[in-house]
Protein backbone atom coordinates (compact mmCIF):
# COMPACT_ATOMS: atom_id res chain seq x y z
CA UNK A 1 -7.60 -1.12 34.63
CA UNK A 2 -6.64 -2.56 37.94
CA UNK A 3 -8.93 -1.59 40.77
CA UNK A 4 -7.62 -1.33 44.34
CA UNK A 5 -8.58 -4.24 46.54
CA UNK A 6 -7.83 -2.82 49.95
CA UNK A 7 -8.48 0.50 51.67
CA UNK A 8 -5.31 2.65 51.73
CA UNK A 9 -6.41 4.10 55.11
CA UNK A 10 -7.13 0.96 57.13
CA UNK A 11 -6.33 -2.06 54.86
CA UNK A 12 -9.89 -3.41 54.99
CA UNK A 13 -10.97 -5.19 51.78
CA UNK A 14 -12.99 -2.83 49.59
CA UNK A 15 -16.52 -3.66 48.45
CA UNK A 16 -18.98 -2.26 45.91
CA UNK A 17 -21.31 -0.30 48.19
CA UNK A 18 -24.11 1.97 47.06
CA UNK A 19 -24.28 5.36 48.74
CA UNK A 20 -26.16 8.56 48.19
CA UNK A 21 -24.06 11.17 46.35
CA UNK A 22 -24.91 14.53 44.76
CA UNK A 23 -26.35 12.85 41.65
CA UNK A 24 -28.28 10.18 43.62
CA UNK A 25 -27.34 6.66 44.61
CA UNK A 26 -24.01 5.44 43.20
CA UNK A 27 -22.20 2.16 43.59
CA UNK A 28 -18.45 2.56 44.08
CA UNK A 29 -15.60 0.70 45.72
CA UNK A 30 -15.81 1.79 49.31
CA UNK A 31 -14.33 0.72 52.65
CA UNK A 32 -17.02 -0.80 54.83
CA UNK A 33 -14.93 0.04 57.92
CA UNK A 34 -13.91 3.71 57.47
CA UNK A 35 -16.04 4.85 54.51
CA UNK A 36 -13.01 5.65 52.29
CA UNK A 37 -14.14 5.85 48.63
CA UNK A 38 -12.27 4.95 45.46
CA UNK A 39 -13.57 7.65 43.09
CA UNK A 40 -11.90 6.16 40.00
CA UNK A 41 -11.55 9.59 38.37
CA UNK A 42 -10.05 9.66 34.87
CA UNK A 43 -6.36 10.48 34.54
CA UNK A 44 -5.42 13.55 32.44
CA UNK A 45 -3.17 12.64 29.53
CA UNK A 46 -1.55 15.18 27.24
CA UNK A 47 -1.14 14.62 23.48
CA UNK A 48 0.76 16.59 20.86
CA UNK A 49 0.27 16.91 17.14
CA UNK A 50 3.87 17.86 16.52
CA UNK A 51 4.41 20.08 13.49
CA UNK A 52 8.08 19.86 12.55
CA UNK A 53 9.45 21.40 9.38
CA UNK A 54 5.96 21.73 7.92
CA UNK A 55 5.20 18.00 8.49
CA UNK A 56 3.59 16.07 11.34
CA UNK A 57 5.80 13.84 13.46
CA UNK A 58 4.29 10.52 14.59
CA UNK A 59 6.33 8.21 16.79
CA UNK A 60 6.36 4.50 17.70
CA UNK A 61 6.58 3.40 21.33
CA UNK A 62 9.08 0.58 21.99
CA UNK A 63 6.25 -1.66 23.20
CA UNK A 64 4.13 -1.19 20.05
CA UNK A 65 3.94 -3.21 16.83
CA UNK A 66 6.13 -2.06 13.94
CA UNK A 67 3.30 -0.36 12.02
CA UNK A 68 1.81 1.63 14.90
CA UNK A 69 2.74 5.29 14.97
CA UNK A 70 0.86 7.91 16.91
CA UNK A 71 1.01 11.31 18.59
CA UNK A 72 3.45 12.16 21.36
CA UNK A 73 1.60 11.63 24.67
CA UNK A 74 2.33 11.66 28.36
CA UNK A 75 0.90 12.19 31.78
CA UNK A 76 0.51 15.67 33.24
CA UNK A 77 2.58 16.20 36.35
CA UNK A 78 1.62 18.00 39.54
CA UNK A 79 2.47 21.68 39.52
CA UNK A 80 2.44 22.19 35.75
CA UNK A 81 -0.16 23.56 33.37
CA UNK A 82 -1.27 21.34 30.48
CA UNK A 83 0.64 23.64 28.11
CA UNK A 84 3.83 23.28 30.16
CA UNK A 85 3.28 19.55 30.40
CA UNK A 86 2.93 18.98 26.66
CA UNK A 87 6.02 21.12 25.97
CA UNK A 88 7.91 19.00 28.52
CA UNK A 89 6.68 15.74 27.01
CA UNK A 90 7.71 16.77 23.49
CA UNK A 91 11.17 17.76 24.76
CA UNK A 92 11.58 14.55 26.80
CA UNK A 93 10.42 12.27 23.99
CA UNK A 94 11.95 13.93 20.90
CA UNK A 95 14.48 16.56 22.21
CA UNK A 96 12.54 19.20 20.21
CA UNK A 97 11.82 22.64 21.55
CA UNK A 98 8.23 23.86 21.33
CA UNK A 99 7.64 27.43 20.16
CA UNK A 100 3.86 27.38 19.85
CA UNK A 101 1.13 25.47 21.72
CA UNK A 102 -2.53 25.54 20.63
CA UNK A 103 -5.38 23.54 22.14
CA UNK A 104 -7.08 21.16 19.66
CA UNK A 105 -9.60 19.66 22.06
CA UNK A 106 -10.41 17.30 24.91
CA UNK A 107 -11.21 13.65 24.18
CA UNK A 108 -12.38 10.75 26.29
CA UNK A 109 -10.49 7.49 26.29
CA UNK A 110 -12.75 5.43 28.48
CA UNK A 111 -10.99 2.11 27.83
CA UNK A 112 -8.01 3.47 29.76
CA UNK A 113 -10.05 5.74 32.08
CA UNK A 114 -8.30 8.77 30.69
CA UNK A 115 -9.18 12.25 29.45
CA UNK A 116 -6.86 13.34 26.64
CA UNK A 117 -6.02 17.03 26.29
CA UNK A 118 -4.70 17.41 22.75
CA UNK A 119 -2.54 20.21 21.44
CA UNK A 120 -0.99 21.22 18.15
CA UNK A 121 2.63 22.27 18.78
CA UNK A 122 5.23 23.76 16.52
CA UNK A 123 8.62 22.25 17.29
CA UNK A 124 12.22 23.01 16.27
CA UNK A 125 15.61 21.42 16.75
CA UNK A 126 17.08 18.03 15.98
CA UNK A 127 15.05 14.91 16.66
CA UNK A 128 16.62 12.54 19.18
CA UNK A 129 14.20 9.98 20.58
CA UNK A 130 13.97 8.92 24.19
CA UNK A 131 14.52 5.21 25.00
CA UNK A 132 10.70 4.96 25.28
CA UNK A 133 10.39 5.56 21.54
CA UNK A 134 12.09 3.52 18.79
CA UNK A 135 11.17 5.25 15.59
CA UNK A 136 9.38 8.27 14.12
CA UNK A 137 8.02 9.31 10.76
CA UNK A 138 7.23 12.66 9.21
CA UNK A 139 4.02 12.97 7.25
CA UNK A 140 2.65 15.58 4.87
CA UNK A 141 -0.94 16.47 5.89
CA UNK A 142 -2.60 14.69 2.88
CA UNK A 143 -0.73 11.49 3.76
CA UNK A 144 -1.94 11.30 7.36
CA UNK A 145 -4.51 8.64 8.31
CA UNK A 146 -6.38 8.78 11.55
CA UNK A 147 -7.10 5.90 13.88
CA UNK A 148 -10.48 5.34 15.66
CA UNK A 149 -9.45 6.29 19.22
CA UNK A 150 -9.00 9.45 21.29
CA UNK A 151 -5.77 10.83 19.78
CA UNK A 152 -6.87 9.77 16.29
CA UNK A 153 -10.00 11.88 16.67
CA UNK A 154 -7.81 14.80 17.82
CA UNK A 155 -5.68 14.44 14.70
CA UNK A 156 -8.86 14.37 12.56
CA UNK A 157 -10.18 17.54 14.20
CA UNK A 158 -6.88 19.31 13.66
CA UNK A 159 -6.71 18.23 10.01
CA UNK A 160 -10.14 19.77 9.45
CA UNK A 161 -8.79 23.11 10.73
CA UNK A 162 -6.12 22.88 8.08
CA UNK A 163 -8.67 22.29 5.27
CA UNK A 164 -8.10 18.51 4.99
CA UNK A 165 -10.96 16.09 5.39
CA UNK A 166 -9.50 13.30 7.53
CA UNK A 167 -9.27 9.75 6.26
CA UNK A 168 -9.55 7.03 8.89
CA UNK A 169 -7.96 3.63 8.78
CA UNK A 170 -10.49 0.98 7.81
CA UNK A 171 -11.23 -1.64 10.48
CA UNK A 172 -8.94 -4.11 8.68
CA UNK A 173 -6.14 -1.54 8.25
CA UNK A 174 -6.38 -0.55 11.90
CA UNK A 175 -6.27 -4.19 13.03
CA UNK A 176 -3.23 -4.79 10.77
CA UNK A 177 -1.60 -1.69 12.27
CA UNK A 178 -2.50 -2.72 15.83
CA UNK A 179 -1.21 -6.26 15.41
CA UNK A 180 1.88 -5.27 13.38
CA UNK A 181 1.05 -7.51 10.44
CA UNK A 182 3.18 -7.29 7.34
CA UNK A 183 1.67 -5.68 4.27
């Protein structure tokens, strides 16, 4: 993740400065001139396990390798609840209408400094992908495999609620998936 280099208030170069906070001393990027602090709080990201016609829809982002399919995700916008946000994201990305939204859980994704709020949604309509997505697949629950990252753990937790013990990609399978290698 890119860190800011200059103070947005006075344009002074930022420095790692230790200061006393509620939890004790903490080093953060701070402005030595005006004391502005870069808190580096995680960004809330919404994820949807989309149930469509009794199957789960996974999609592939245009920037991803050919074998990588995952949940529908997107950033929460100001002025909307997480439930409204995930319904909006599903509509924007797939053209599907959401009739049911249920919280699955909250997951950390520290590599991207994000907190993922995952939902199971029931969707209806005709799939039409946004330009951001290039493909989708529908899976029966026993055919789903989970990946070892935030949204993959959400999918695993949801599968357990449906009576299915999740199966995770092996390290080699996940690497093949991530790199888009042919089978």
